[in-house]
């Protein structure tokens, strides 16, 4: 699996490990591997935190849109009630009748 990820063969991996062993020595190799492991763990934690933050931000945006949608619905219902209570509908109907009378008389 490691060779698939790095696009190198098993022999090349062996040579890289051998060169690292010669450069750093047998005593330092476990320390280096331990440091790499800690670094990978920190990287995984950081990516998980970023994913969680993105999901939380997305949920906040969705909730904000839902709230705006509800406010618009409430406002339109209030406007409809105000129109009905002010008898504007009756006024409009009477104006339509008057217009119809004038257009039919000609």
Foldseek 3Di string as FASTA:
>chain_A
DVCVVVVHDPVVVVVVVVVVCVVQHPVCVVVVVVVVVVVVVVVVVVVVVVVVVVVVVVVVVVVVVVVVVVVVVVVVVVVVVVCVVVCVVVVVVVVVVVVVVVVVVD
